[in-house]
Amino acid sequence: MRNVFFLSLTALAAATTVYAGDYKVTVPLGADDEGAMAYLVNYDTGVNIDSVLVEDTTAVFCGRVDVPILARVIVDGDRRGQFILEDGTYTFRRGEVVQTPLNIKDAEVAKMIQEGVAQVRAEADEAAQEKRYNELLARVDSTMRANMDNVIGYSLFLDMAYSMEPSEVEALVEQNPTMKQYMRVRKLLDANRAKAETQPGGMFRDFEISYDGVTHRLSDVVGRGGYVLVDFWASWCGPCIRQTAVIKDLYNEFKDKGLRVLGVAVWDEPDNTRKAIKDHDLPWECWLNGQTIPTDVYGISGIPCIILFGPDGKILSRDKQDDDLKADVRAALQAAH
């Protein structure tokens, strides 16, 4: 839980009054981006706020914001970072602090988190580490609860929620119903319920995705008498790419013994998926452009998510990686032979 918590704390801050107004955001880019289309996207909804052509290696977004929101910059399908979009004229450079009130607070609290993590790791024994960790977690939790009525509380809630039990998430949202206005929070609640209903022992749930005139249904391959290992992944996901080595081992070991491997690309651009398939020499079939369809059905909030389905469509293993994944697949296939 610690690693997930440390890595995901990227947008934390304390309450600050910010008024609605106009913004002008300058985003310096590289020479390779010249002439590309740059998008400013609402992090919560995924809706494009603005789009501009990159000119003189720069994208300039102008508009009006009624309340501060989390925004993400995307250039030709590549994510270039996110920040809190608020009123004012400022520059966003990935890796640098945006000089606006909320973004400055964000950086201050992020620094506090980094220092807290360093203190945890500096402790000599496990008991002392646990004590430091719990103290840090309490400070972050307090900040979140103090800001549940604004975008800071929202971003911190999302960061915290992935290391919380589903019942804790449900209870916190019930205590702070304003969180339900956010699409990602509603989807997280739905995902927790879907995940609980698609654990090992349950039956597969069908979904359908279409791209470039081709439609795929999970029921076309699962529940038809064979073992199917499905990898939900994306080209930009480092852990996903690392797990392809594990899946290759299983593919080579069991491809002639009744195991079918299927990749389903989610949250990714098809061209980027194709490039990753080629770059990493993935020999199994991969469906493109799944986006959120499969992840909604199976309650997937983080990738890779690897699921093993049995011949009758029953879920035999879920969310395992490395040696644990190999053990589950080998146990199932060896029992079948």
C-alpha atoms as a PDB file:
ATOM      1  CA  MET A   1       0.000   0.000   0.000  1.00  0.00           C
ATOM      2  CA  ARG A   2       2.884   2.364   0.782  1.00  0.00           C
ATOM      3  CA  ASN A   3       4.309   2.347  -2.739  1.00  0.00           C
ATOM      4  CA  VAL A   4       0.898   3.069  -4.295  1.00  0.00           C
ATOM      5  CA  PHE A   5       0.365   5.883  -1.794  1.00  0.00           C
ATOM      6  CA  PHE A   6       3.777   7.487  -2.303  1.00  0.00           C
ATOM      7  CA  LEU A   7       3.677   7.338  -6.097  1.00  0.00           C
ATOM      8  CA  SER A   8       0.153   8.650  -6.486  1.00  0.00           C
ATOM      9  CA  LEU A   9       0.401  11.808  -4.338  1.00  0.00           C
ATOM     10  CA  THR A  10       0.738  14.316  -7.159  1.00  0.00           C
ATOM     11  CA  ALA A  11      -1.866  17.008  -6.502  1.00  0.00           C
ATOM     12  CA  LEU A  12      -2.136  17.985  -2.852  1.00  0.00           C
ATOM     13  CA  ALA A  13      -2.812  21.416  -1.330  1.00  0.00           C
ATOM     14  CA  ALA A  14      -4.528  23.345   1.440  1.00  0.00           C
ATOM     15  CA  ALA A  15      -7.639  25.476   1.035  1.00  0.00           C
ATOM     16  CA  THR A  16      -7.046  28.771  -0.797  1.00  0.00           C
ATOM     17  CA  THR A  17      -9.631  31.247  -2.025  1.00  0.00           C
ATOM     18  CA  VAL A  18      -9.515  31.594  -5.810  1.00  0.00           C
ATOM     19  CA  TYR A  19     -11.979  33.642  -7.782  1.00  0.00           C
ATOM     20  CA  ALA A  20     -13.362  32.940 -11.236  1.00  0.00           C
ATOM     21  CA  GLY A  21     -11.748  34.769 -14.085  1.00  0.00           C
ATOM     22  CA  ASP A  22      -9.859  34.643 -17.359  1.00  0.00           C
ATOM     23  CA  TYR A  23      -6.718  32.626 -17.904  1.00  0.00           C
ATOM     24  CA  LYS A  24      -3.872  32.608 -20.387  1.00  0.00           C
ATOM     25  CA  VAL A  25      -1.639  29.553 -20.111  1.00  0.00           C
ATOM     26  CA  THR A  26       1.590  29.325 -22.104  1.00  0.00           C
ATOM     27  CA  VAL A  27       3.014  25.838 -22.575  1.00  0.00           C
ATOM     28  CA  PRO A  28       6.578  25.677 -23.990  1.00  0.00           C
ATOM     29  CA  LEU A  29       7.128  22.530 -26.074  1.00  0.00           C
ATOM     30  CA  GLY A  30       9.852  21.082 -28.274  1.00  0.00           C
ATOM     31  CA  ALA A  31      10.823  21.473 -31.908  1.00  0.00           C
ATOM     32  CA  ASP A  32       9.348  18.068 -32.689  1.00  0.00           C
ATOM     33  CA  ASP A  33       5.947  19.371 -31.586  1.00  0.00           C
ATOM     34  CA  GLU A  34       5.864  22.222 -34.086  1.00  0.00           C
ATOM     35  CA  GLY A  35       2.581  22.178 -36.016  1.00  0.00           C
ATOM     36  CA  ALA A  36       1.041  19.525 -33.761  1.00  0.00           C
ATOM     37  CA  MET A  37      -2.366  19.905 -32.121  1.00  0.00           C
ATOM     38  CA  ALA A  38      -2.255  20.582 -28.394  1.00  0.00           C
ATOM     39  CA  TYR A  39      -5.250  20.022 -26.133  1.00  0.00           C
ATOM     40  CA  LEU A  40      -6.191  21.315 -22.715  1.00  0.00           C
ATOM     41  CA  VAL A  41      -8.373  18.632 -21.172  1.00  0.00           C
ATOM     42  CA  ASN A  42     -10.538  18.533 -18.062  1.00  0.00           C
ATOM     43  CA  TYR A  43      -8.900  15.813 -15.965  1.00  0.00           C
ATOM     44  CA  ASP A  44     -12.173  14.797 -14.339  1.00  0.00           C
ATOM     45  CA  THR A  45     -14.411  14.513 -17.384  1.00  0.00           C
ATOM     46  CA  GLY A  46     -11.894  14.036 -20.196  1.00  0.00           C
ATOM     47  CA  VAL A  47     -13.631  16.819 -22.145  1.00  0.00           C
ATOM     48  CA  ASN A  48     -11.469  19.120 -24.255  1.00  0.00           C
ATOM     49  CA  ILE A  49     -11.411  22.620 -22.779  1.00  0.00           C
ATOM     50  CA  ASP A  50      -9.415  24.096 -25.644  1.00  0.00           C
ATOM     51  CA  SER A  51      -7.243  23.069 -28.589  1.00  0.00           C
ATOM     52  CA  VAL A  52      -4.552  25.011 -30.426  1.00  0.00           C
ATOM     53  CA  LEU A  53      -1.813  24.436 -32.970  1.00  0.00           C
ATOM     54  CA  VAL A  54       1.727  24.515 -31.635  1.00  0.00           C
ATOM     55  CA  GLU A  55       3.414  27.576 -33.112  1.00  0.00           C
ATOM     56  CA  ASP A  56       7.005  28.647 -32.430  1.00  0.00           C
ATOM     57  CA  THR A  57       7.245  25.521 -30.230  1.00  0.00           C
ATOM     58  CA  THR A  58       4.582  26.938 -27.926  1.00  0.00           C
ATOM     59  CA  ALA A  59       0.921  26.252 -27.161  1.00  0.00           C
ATOM     60  CA  VAL A  60      -1.111  29.131 -25.734  1.00  0.00           C
ATOM     61  CA  PHE A  61      -4.517  28.440 -24.184  1.00  0.00           C
ATOM     62  CA  CYS A  62      -6.907  31.278 -23.372  1.00  0.00           C
ATOM     63  CA  GLY A  63     -10.348  31.189 -21.794  1.00  0.00           C
ATOM     64  CA  ARG A  64     -12.355  31.611 -18.646  1.00  0.00           C
ATOM     65  CA  VAL A  65     -12.578  29.347 -15.619  1.00  0.00           C
ATOM     66  CA  ASP A  66     -15.499  29.577 -13.207  1.00  0.00           C
ATOM     67  CA  VAL A  67     -13.908  27.375 -10.561  1.00  0.00           C
ATOM     68  CA  PRO A  68     -10.410  25.872 -10.418  1.00  0.00           C
ATOM     69  CA  ILE A  69     -10.169  22.469 -12.079  1.00  0.00           C
ATOM     70  CA  LEU A  70      -7.522  19.879 -12.717  1.00  0.00           C
ATOM     71  CA  ALA A  71      -6.359  20.109 -16.318  1.00  0.00           C
ATOM     72  CA  ARG A  72      -4.094  17.934 -18.436  1.00  0.00           C
ATOM     73  CA  VAL A  73      -2.041  18.946 -21.488  1.00  0.00           C
ATOM     74  CA  ILE A  74      -2.033  16.448 -24.364  1.00  0.00           C
ATOM     75  CA  VAL A  75      -0.014  16.887 -27.548  1.00  0.00           C
ATOM     76  CA  ASP A  76      -0.742  14.504 -30.430  1.00  0.00           C
ATOM     77  CA  GLY A  77      -2.048  11.897 -27.993  1.00  0.00           C
ATOM     78  CA  ASP A  78       0.884  12.171 -25.562  1.00  0.00           C
ATOM     79  CA  ARG A  79       0.236  13.310 -22.013  1.00  0.00           C
ATOM     80  CA  ARG A  80       2.462  16.247 -21.070  1.00  0.00           C
ATOM     81  CA  GLY A  81       1.503  16.679 -17.435  1.00  0.00           C
ATOM     82  CA  GLN A  82      -1.281  18.242 -15.425  1.00  0.00           C
ATOM     83  CA  PHE A  83      -1.851  21.284 -13.236  1.00  0.00           C
ATOM     84  CA  ILE A  84      -4.622  23.210 -11.527  1.00  0.00           C
ATOM     85  CA  LEU A  85      -6.268  25.514 -14.054  1.00  0.00           C
ATOM     86  CA  GLU A  86      -7.203  28.790 -12.380  1.00  0.00           C
ATOM     87  CA  ASP A  87      -7.473  32.418 -13.396  1.00  0.00           C
ATOM     88  CA  GLY A  88      -4.392  34.442 -14.319  1.00  0.00           C
ATOM     89  CA  THR A  89      -1.588  34.585 -16.850  1.00  0.00           C
ATOM     90  CA  TYR A  90       1.099  31.995 -16.312  1.00  0.00           C
ATOM     91  CA  THR A  91       3.348  29.343 -17.821  1.00  0.00           C
ATOM     92  CA  PHE A  92       3.073  25.586 -17.430  1.00  0.00           C
ATOM     93  CA  ARG A  93       6.288  23.608 -17.827  1.00  0.00           C
ATOM     94  CA  ARG A  94       6.273  19.969 -16.922  1.00  0.00           C
ATOM     95  CA  GLY A  95       8.299  19.440 -13.771  1.00  0.00           C
ATOM     96  CA  GLU A  96       8.172  23.095 -12.684  1.00  0.00           C
ATOM     97  CA  VAL A  97       5.857  24.849 -10.249  1.00  0.00           C
ATOM     98  CA  VAL A  98       3.097  26.883 -11.904  1.00  0.00           C
ATOM     99  CA  GLN A  99       3.130  30.314 -10.279  1.00  0.00           C
ATOM    100  CA  THR A 100      -0.502  30.540  -9.177  1.00  0.00           C
ATOM    101  CA  PRO A 101      -1.908  30.256  -5.642  1.00  0.00           C
ATOM    102  CA  LEU A 102      -3.260  26.723  -5.798  1.00  0.00           C
ATOM    103  CA  ASN A 103      -0.351  25.335  -7.784  1.00  0.00           C
ATOM    104  CA  ILE A 104       2.145  26.889  -5.348  1.00  0.00           C
ATOM    105  CA  LYS A 105       0.262  25.307  -2.444  1.00  0.00           C
ATOM    106  CA  ASP A 106       0.269  22.058  -4.381  1.00  0.00           C
ATOM    107  CA  ALA A 107       4.060  22.178  -4.603  1.00  0.00           C
ATOM    108  CA  GLU A 108       4.421  23.052  -0.925  1.00  0.00           C
ATOM    109  CA  VAL A 109       2.352  20.104   0.199  1.00  0.00           C
ATOM    110  CA  ALA A 110       4.044  17.795  -2.309  1.00  0.00           C
ATOM    111  CA  LYS A 111       7.358  18.838  -0.753  1.00  0.00           C
ATOM    112  CA  MET A 112       5.979  18.025   2.674  1.00  0.00           C
ATOM    113  CA  ILE A 113       4.999  14.593   1.407  1.00  0.00           C
ATOM    114  CA  GLN A 114       8.434  13.988  -0.118  1.00  0.00           C
ATOM    115  CA  GLU A 115      10.116  14.966   3.133  1.00  0.00           C
ATOM    116  CA  GLY A 116       7.746  12.711   5.055  1.00  0.00           C
ATOM    117  CA  VAL A 117       8.537   9.794   2.775  1.00  0.00           C
ATOM    118  CA  ALA A 118      12.267  10.423   3.266  1.00  0.00           C
ATOM    119  CA  GLN A 119      11.759  10.356   7.039  1.00  0.00           C
ATOM    120  CA  VAL A 120       9.916   7.049   6.794  1.00  0.00           C
ATOM    121  CA  ARG A 121      12.685   5.490   4.749  1.00  0.00           C
ATOM    122  CA  ALA A 122      15.399   6.879   7.033  1.00  0.00           C
ATOM    123  CA  GLU A 123      14.097   4.977  10.059  1.00  0.00           C
ATOM    124  CA  ALA A 124      16.226   1.984  10.952  1.00  0.00           C
ATOM    125  CA  ASP A 125      13.566  -0.520  11.944  1.00  0.00           C
ATOM    126  CA  GLU A 126      10.138  -1.501  10.709  1.00  0.00           C
ATOM    127  CA  ALA A 127       8.252  -0.341  13.797  1.00  0.00           C
ATOM    128  CA  ALA A 128       9.685   3.162  13.531  1.00  0.00           C
ATOM    129  CA  GLN A 129       8.918   3.260   9.806  1.00  0.00           C
ATOM    130  CA  GLU A 130       5.333   2.252  10.502  1.00  0.00           C
ATOM    131  CA  LYS A 131       4.998   5.003  13.103  1.00  0.00           C
ATOM    132  CA  ARG A 132       6.352   7.662  10.729  1.00  0.00           C
ATOM    133  CA  TYR A 133       4.176   6.389   7.916  1.00  0.00           C
ATOM    134  CA  ASN A 134       1.009   6.541   9.994  1.00  0.00           C
ATOM    135  CA  GLU A 135       1.877  10.096  11.087  1.00  0.00           C
ATOM    136  CA  LEU A 136       2.317  11.142   7.462  1.00  0.00           C
ATOM    137  CA  LEU A 137      -0.876   9.416   6.418  1.00  0.00           C
ATOM    138  CA  ALA A 138      -2.770  11.211   9.190  1.00  0.00           C
ATOM    139  CA  ARG A 139      -1.504  14.618   8.022  1.00  0.00           C
ATOM    140  CA  VAL A 140      -2.521  13.933   4.444  1.00  0.00           C
ATOM    141  CA  ASP A 141      -5.875  12.548   5.531  1.00  0.00           C
ATOM    142  CA  SER A 142      -6.504  15.674   7.596  1.00  0.00           C
ATOM    143  CA  THR A 143      -5.691  17.896   4.602  1.00  0.00           C
ATOM    144  CA  MET A 144      -8.057  15.927   2.415  1.00  0.00           C
ATOM    145  CA  ARG A 145     -10.949  16.107   4.860  1.00  0.00           C
ATOM    146  CA  ALA A 146     -10.466  19.849   5.343  1.00  0.00           C
ATOM    147  CA  ASN A 147     -10.820  20.426   1.602  1.00  0.00           C
ATOM    148  CA  MET A 148     -13.559  18.055   0.538  1.00  0.00           C
ATOM    149  CA  ASP A 149     -15.621  20.950  -0.820  1.00  0.00           C
ATOM    150  CA  ASN A 150     -13.043  22.034  -3.411  1.00  0.00           C
ATOM    151  CA  VAL A 151     -10.795  20.736  -6.190  1.00  0.00           C
ATOM    152  CA  ILE A 152      -7.925  20.188  -3.755  1.00  0.00           C
ATOM    153  CA  GLY A 153     -10.004  17.795  -1.711  1.00  0.00           C
ATOM    154  CA  TYR A 154     -11.118  16.111  -4.910  1.00  0.00           C
ATOM    155  CA  SER A 155      -7.587  15.501  -6.191  1.00  0.00           C
ATOM    156  CA  LEU A 156      -6.387  14.335  -2.802  1.00  0.00           C
ATOM    157  CA  PHE A 157      -9.402  12.067  -2.430  1.00  0.00           C
ATOM    158  CA  LEU A 158      -8.556  10.371  -5.730  1.00  0.00           C
ATOM    159  CA  ASP A 159      -4.941   9.886  -4.645  1.00  0.00           C
ATOM    160  CA  MET A 160      -5.971   8.428  -1.301  1.00  0.00           C
ATOM    161  CA  ALA A 161      -8.870   6.334  -2.569  1.00  0.00           C
ATOM    162  CA  TYR A 162      -6.705   3.803  -4.394  1.00  0.00           C
ATOM    163  CA  SER A 163      -5.051   2.788  -1.109  1.00  0.00           C
ATOM    164  CA  MET A 164      -8.362   2.660   0.784  1.00  0.00           C
ATOM    165  CA  GLU A 165     -10.757  -0.219   1.190  1.00  0.00           C
ATOM    166  CA  PRO A 166     -13.890   0.106  -0.984  1.00  0.00           C
ATOM    167  CA  SER A 167     -16.054   0.370   2.134  1.00  0.00           C
ATOM    168  CA  GLU A 168     -13.936   3.307   3.345  1.00  0.00           C
ATOM    169  CA  VAL A 169     -14.344   5.067   0.008  1.00  0.00           C
ATOM    170  CA  GLU A 170     -18.124   4.565   0.098  1.00  0.00           C
ATOM    171  CA  ALA A 171     -18.327   5.912   3.654  1.00  0.00           C
ATOM    172  CA  LEU A 172     -16.181   8.970   2.909  1.00  0.00           C
ATOM    173  CA  VAL A 173     -18.297   9.907  -0.104  1.00  0.00           C
ATOM    174  CA  GLU A 174     -21.485   9.497   1.910  1.00  0.00           C
ATOM    175  CA  GLN A 175     -20.026  11.861   4.505  1.00  0.00           C
ATOM    176  CA  ASN A 176     -19.059  14.334   1.773  1.00  0.00           C
ATOM    177  CA  PRO A 177     -21.768  14.108  -0.904  1.00  0.00           C
ATOM    178  CA  THR A 178     -20.280  17.008  -2.908  1.00  0.00           C
ATOM    179  CA  MET A 179     -17.706  14.483  -4.137  1.00  0.00           C
ATOM    180  CA  LYS A 180     -20.460  12.855  -6.195  1.00  0.00           C
ATOM    181  CA  GLN A 181     -20.420  15.826  -8.578  1.00  0.00           C
ATOM    182  CA  TYR A 182     -17.121  14.534  -9.979  1.00  0.00           C
ATOM    183  CA  MET A 183     -17.272  11.951 -12.735  1.00  0.00           C
ATOM    184  CA  ARG A 184     -14.110  10.159 -11.615  1.00  0.00           C
ATOM    185  CA  VAL A 185     -15.486   9.743  -8.103  1.00  0.00           C
ATOM    186  CA  ARG A 186     -18.733   8.275  -9.416  1.00  0.00           C
ATOM    187  CA  LYS A 187     -16.775   5.957 -11.704  1.00  0.00           C
ATOM    188  CA  LEU A 188     -14.549   4.907  -8.818  1.00  0.00           C
ATOM    189  CA  LEU A 189     -17.595   3.933  -6.774  1.00  0.00           C
ATOM    190  CA  ASP A 190     -18.968   1.970  -9.726  1.00  0.00           C
ATOM    191  CA  ALA A 191     -15.556   0.387 -10.301  1.00  0.00           C
ATOM    192  CA  ASN A 192     -15.325  -0.811  -6.704  1.00  0.00           C
ATOM    193  CA  ARG A 193     -18.689  -2.499  -7.044  1.00  0.00           C
ATOM    194  CA  ALA A 194     -17.809  -4.029 -10.428  1.00  0.00           C
ATOM    195  CA  LYS A 195     -14.473  -5.264  -9.124  1.00  0.00           C
ATOM    196  CA  ALA A 196     -16.141  -6.936  -6.158  1.00  0.00           C
ATOM    197  CA  GLU A 197     -18.468  -8.754  -8.548  1.00  0.00           C
ATOM    198  CA  THR A 198     -15.678  -9.986 -10.864  1.00  0.00           C
ATOM    199  CA  GLN A 199     -13.365 -11.708  -8.444  1.00  0.00           C
ATOM    200  CA  PRO A 200     -12.060 -15.281  -8.847  1.00  0.00           C
ATOM    201  CA  GLY A 201     -14.955 -17.702  -8.709  1.00  0.00           C
ATOM    202  CA  GLY A 202     -17.322 -15.425 -10.590  1.00  0.00           C
ATOM    203  CA  MET A 203     -18.252 -15.679 -14.256  1.00  0.00           C
ATOM    204  CA  PHE A 204     -16.881 -13.442 -16.963  1.00  0.00           C
ATOM    205  CA  ARG A 205     -18.767 -10.348 -18.038  1.00  0.00           C
ATOM    206  CA  ASP A 206     -18.998  -9.607 -21.704  1.00  0.00           C
ATOM    207  CA  PHE A 207     -18.031  -6.355 -23.395  1.00  0.00           C
ATOM    208  CA  GLU A 208     -17.792  -5.114 -26.958  1.00  0.00           C
ATOM    209  CA  ILE A 209     -15.255  -2.755 -28.496  1.00  0.00           C
ATOM    210  CA  SER A 210     -14.995  -1.516 -32.072  1.00  0.00           C
ATOM    211  CA  TYR A 211     -12.198   0.137 -33.976  1.00  0.00           C
ATOM    212  CA  ASP A 212     -11.420   0.689 -37.638  1.00  0.00           C
ATOM    213  CA  GLY A 213     -14.495  -1.246 -38.758  1.00  0.00           C
ATOM    214  CA  VAL A 214     -13.765  -4.299 -36.609  1.00  0.00           C
ATOM    215  CA  THR A 215     -15.848  -5.295 -33.576  1.00  0.00           C
ATOM    216  CA  HIS A 216     -14.623  -7.659 -30.854  1.00  0.00           C
ATOM    217  CA  ARG A 217     -16.620  -9.248 -28.043  1.00  0.00           C
ATOM    218  CA  LEU A 218     -15.043 -10.990 -25.093  1.00  0.00           C
ATOM    219  CA  SER A 219     -17.643 -13.739 -25.453  1.00  0.00           C
ATOM    220  CA  ASP A 220     -16.091 -14.564 -28.831  1.00  0.00           C
ATOM    221  CA  VAL A 221     -13.027 -15.976 -27.043  1.00  0.00           C
ATOM    222  CA  VAL A 222     -13.932 -16.557 -23.374  1.00  0.00           C
ATOM    223  CA  GLY A 223     -16.166 -19.389 -22.208  1.00  0.00           C
ATOM    224  CA  ARG A 224     -15.595 -21.450 -25.319  1.00  0.00           C
ATOM    225  CA  GLY A 225     -13.685 -24.372 -23.860  1.00  0.00           C
ATOM    226  CA  GLY A 226     -10.189 -22.948 -23.519  1.00  0.00           C
ATOM    227  CA  TYR A 227      -8.078 -21.042 -21.032  1.00  0.00           C
ATOM    228  CA  VAL A 228      -7.708 -17.354 -21.870  1.00  0.00           C
ATOM    229  CA  LEU A 229      -5.267 -14.950 -20.248  1.00  0.00           C
ATOM    230  CA  VAL A 230      -6.383 -11.363 -20.865  1.00  0.00           C
ATOM    231  CA  ASP A 231      -3.987  -8.482 -20.285  1.00  0.00           C
ATOM    232  CA  PHE A 232      -5.595  -5.045 -19.944  1.00  0.00           C
ATOM    233  CA  TRP A 233      -2.733  -2.617 -20.630  1.00  0.00           C
ATOM    234  CA  ALA A 234      -1.545   0.606 -22.273  1.00  0.00           C
ATOM    235  CA  SER A 235       1.572   1.628 -24.166  1.00  0.00           C
ATOM    236  CA  TRP A 236       2.462   4.429 -21.716  1.00  0.00           C
ATOM    237  CA  CYS A 237       2.200   2.192 -18.641  1.00  0.00           C
ATOM    238  CA  GLY A 238       5.642   1.128 -17.407  1.00  0.00           C
ATOM    239  CA  PRO A 239       4.393  -1.705 -15.169  1.00  0.00           C
ATOM    240  CA  CYS A 240       2.330  -2.997 -18.108  1.00  0.00           C
ATOM    241  CA  ILE A 241       5.401  -3.200 -20.301  1.00  0.00           C
ATOM    242  CA  ARG A 242       7.383  -4.955 -17.564  1.00  0.00           C
ATOM    243  CA  GLN A 243       4.679  -7.597 -17.219  1.00  0.00           C
ATOM    244  CA  THR A 244       4.841  -8.425 -20.922  1.00  0.00           C
ATOM    245  CA  ALA A 245       8.063 -10.322 -20.163  1.00  0.00           C
ATOM    246  CA  VAL A 246       6.162 -12.471 -17.667  1.00  0.00           C
ATOM    247  CA  ILE A 247       3.322 -13.018 -20.124  1.00  0.00           C
ATOM    248  CA  LYS A 248       5.814 -13.971 -22.839  1.00  0.00           C
ATOM    249  CA  ASP A 249       7.185 -16.692 -20.576  1.00  0.00           C
ATOM    250  CA  LEU A 250       3.678 -18.054 -20.030  1.00  0.00           C
ATOM    251  CA  TYR A 251       2.813 -17.711 -23.711  1.00  0.00           C
ATOM    252  CA  ASN A 252       5.877 -19.686 -24.776  1.00  0.00           C
ATOM    253  CA  GLU A 253       5.280 -22.323 -22.114  1.00  0.00           C
ATOM    254  CA  PHE A 254       1.577 -22.892 -22.673  1.00  0.00           C
ATOM    255  CA  LYS A 255       0.622 -21.651 -26.158  1.00  0.00           C
ATOM    256  CA  ASP A 256       0.581 -25.238 -27.404  1.00  0.00           C
ATOM    257  CA  LYS A 257      -1.096 -26.568 -24.257  1.00  0.00           C
ATOM    258  CA  GLY A 258      -4.441 -24.819 -24.410  1.00  0.00           C
ATOM    259  CA  LEU A 259      -3.657 -21.242 -23.322  1.00  0.00           C
ATOM    260  CA  ARG A 260      -4.714 -18.287 -25.418  1.00  0.00           C
ATOM    261  CA  VAL A 261      -3.243 -14.876 -24.595  1.00  0.00           C
ATOM    262  CA  LEU A 262      -5.147 -11.736 -25.502  1.00  0.00           C
ATOM    263  CA  GLY A 263      -4.127  -8.126 -25.019  1.00  0.00           C
ATOM    264  CA  VAL A 264      -6.795  -5.446 -24.671  1.00  0.00           C
ATOM    265  CA  ALA A 265      -5.472  -1.895 -24.911  1.00  0.00           C
ATOM    266  CA  VAL A 266      -7.249   0.565 -22.616  1.00  0.00           C
ATOM    267  CA  TRP A 267      -6.836   4.302 -22.000  1.00  0.00           C
ATOM    268  CA  ASP A 268      -4.500   4.510 -24.994  1.00  0.00           C
ATOM    269  CA  GLU A 269      -4.193   5.886 -28.512  1.00  0.00           C
ATOM    270  CA  PRO A 270      -4.319   3.109 -31.147  1.00  0.00           C
ATOM    271  CA  ASP A 271      -1.212   4.336 -32.961  1.00  0.00           C
ATOM    272  CA  ASN A 272       0.734   4.290 -29.704  1.00  0.00           C
ATOM    273  CA  THR A 273      -0.551   0.791 -28.983  1.00  0.00           C
ATOM    274  CA  ARG A 274       0.559  -0.437 -32.398  1.00  0.00           C
ATOM    275  CA  LYS A 275       4.021   1.034 -31.875  1.00  0.00           C
ATOM    276  CA  ALA A 276       4.359  -0.629 -28.460  1.00  0.00           C
ATOM    277  CA  ILE A 277       3.301  -3.997 -29.889  1.00  0.00           C
ATOM    278  CA  LYS A 278       6.029  -3.696 -32.503  1.00  0.00           C
ATOM    279  CA  ASP A 279       8.688  -2.249 -30.196  1.00  0.00           C
ATOM    280  CA  HIS A 280       8.192  -4.950 -27.566  1.00  0.00           C
ATOM    281  CA  ASP A 281       7.593  -7.769 -30.041  1.00  0.00           C
ATOM    282  CA  LEU A 282       4.297  -8.965 -28.573  1.00  0.00           C
ATOM    283  CA  PRO A 283       3.267 -12.133 -30.449  1.00  0.00           C
ATOM    284  CA  TRP A 284      -0.302 -12.490 -29.185  1.00  0.00           C
ATOM    285  CA  GLU A 285      -3.478 -10.883 -30.502  1.00  0.00           C
ATOM    286  CA  CYS A 286      -4.255  -7.420 -29.178  1.00  0.00           C
ATOM    287  CA  TRP A 287      -7.508  -5.493 -29.459  1.00  0.00           C
ATOM    288  CA  LEU A 288      -7.128  -1.745 -29.917  1.00  0.00           C
ATOM    289  CA  ASN A 289      -9.004   1.235 -28.526  1.00  0.00           C
ATOM    290  CA  GLY A 290     -10.738  -0.419 -25.588  1.00  0.00           C
ATOM    291  CA  GLN A 291     -10.548   2.895 -23.717  1.00  0.00           C
ATOM    292  CA  THR A 292     -12.824   2.702 -20.634  1.00  0.00           C
ATOM    293  CA  ILE A 293     -15.273   0.048 -21.831  1.00  0.00           C
ATOM    294  CA  PRO A 294     -13.508  -3.031 -20.384  1.00  0.00           C
ATOM    295  CA  THR A 295     -12.246  -1.197 -17.317  1.00  0.00           C
ATOM    296  CA  ASP A 296     -15.760  -0.087 -16.418  1.00  0.00           C
ATOM    297  CA  VAL A 297     -17.091  -3.630 -16.784  1.00  0.00           C
ATOM    298  CA  TYR A 298     -14.376  -5.183 -14.607  1.00  0.00           C
ATOM    299  CA  GLY A 299     -13.874  -2.328 -12.158  1.00  0.00           C
ATOM    300  CA  ILE A 300     -10.269  -1.779 -13.167  1.00  0.00           C
ATOM    301  CA  SER A 301      -8.756   1.322 -11.573  1.00  0.00           C
ATOM    302  CA  GLY A 302      -5.115   0.520 -12.292  1.00  0.00           C
ATOM    303  CA  ILE A 303      -3.215  -1.325 -14.995  1.00  0.00           C
ATOM    304  CA  PRO A 304      -1.947  -3.801 -15.826  1.00  0.00           C
ATOM    305  CA  CYS A 305      -4.919  -5.889 -14.830  1.00  0.00           C
ATOM    306  CA  ILE A 306      -4.408  -9.494 -15.900  1.00  0.00           C
ATOM    307  CA  ILE A 307      -7.281 -11.965 -15.684  1.00  0.00           C
ATOM    308  CA  LEU A 308      -7.230 -15.724 -16.305  1.00  0.00           C
ATOM    309  CA  PHE A 309     -10.515 -17.222 -17.497  1.00  0.00           C
ATOM    310  CA  GLY A 310     -11.281 -20.929 -17.412  1.00  0.00           C
ATOM    311  CA  PRO A 311     -12.870 -23.023 -20.172  1.00  0.00           C
ATOM    312  CA  ASP A 312     -16.381 -22.304 -18.880  1.00  0.00           C
ATOM    313  CA  GLY A 313     -15.737 -18.562 -18.527  1.00  0.00           C
ATOM    314  CA  LYS A 314     -15.142 -18.637 -14.787  1.00  0.00           C
ATOM    315  CA  ILE A 315     -12.584 -16.171 -13.446  1.00  0.00           C
ATOM    316  CA  LEU A 316      -9.658 -18.198 -12.065  1.00  0.00           C
ATOM    317  CA  SER A 317      -7.156 -15.439 -11.289  1.00  0.00           C
ATOM    318  CA  ARG A 318      -7.168 -11.662 -11.211  1.00  0.00           C
ATOM    319  CA  ASP A 319      -4.713  -8.865 -10.474  1.00  0.00           C
ATOM    320  CA  LYS A 320      -1.702 -11.144 -10.083  1.00  0.00           C
ATOM    321  CA  GLN A 321       1.743 -10.302 -11.440  1.00  0.00           C
ATOM    322  CA  ASP A 322       5.222 -11.797 -11.709  1.00  0.00           C
ATOM    323  CA  ASP A 323       5.690 -15.151  -9.943  1.00  0.00           C
ATOM    324  CA  ASP A 324       2.176 -15.069  -8.470  1.00  0.00           C
ATOM    325  CA  LEU A 325       0.703 -14.824 -11.962  1.00  0.00           C
ATOM    326  CA  LYS A 326       2.901 -17.637 -13.233  1.00  0.00           C
ATOM    327  CA  ALA A 327       1.868 -19.815 -10.304  1.00  0.00           C
ATOM    328  CA  ASP A 328      -1.845 -19.309 -10.963  1.00  0.00           C
ATOM    329  CA  VAL A 329      -1.567 -20.011 -14.691  1.00  0.00           C
ATOM    330  CA  ARG A 330       0.629 -23.063 -14.181  1.00  0.00           C
ATOM    331  CA  ALA A 331      -1.686 -24.462 -11.538  1.00  0.00           C
ATOM    332  CA  ALA A 332      -4.690 -24.132 -13.836  1.00  0.00           C
ATOM    333  CA  LEU A 333      -3.022 -25.495 -16.968  1.00  0.00           C
ATOM    334  CA  GLN A 334      -1.194 -28.320 -15.237  1.00  0.00           C
ATOM    335  CA  ALA A 335      -4.400 -29.442 -13.521  1.00  0.00           C
ATOM    336  CA  ALA A 336      -6.061 -29.551 -16.930  1.00  0.00           C
ATOM    337  CA  HIS A 337      -3.410 -31.925 -18.234  1.00  0.00           C
END
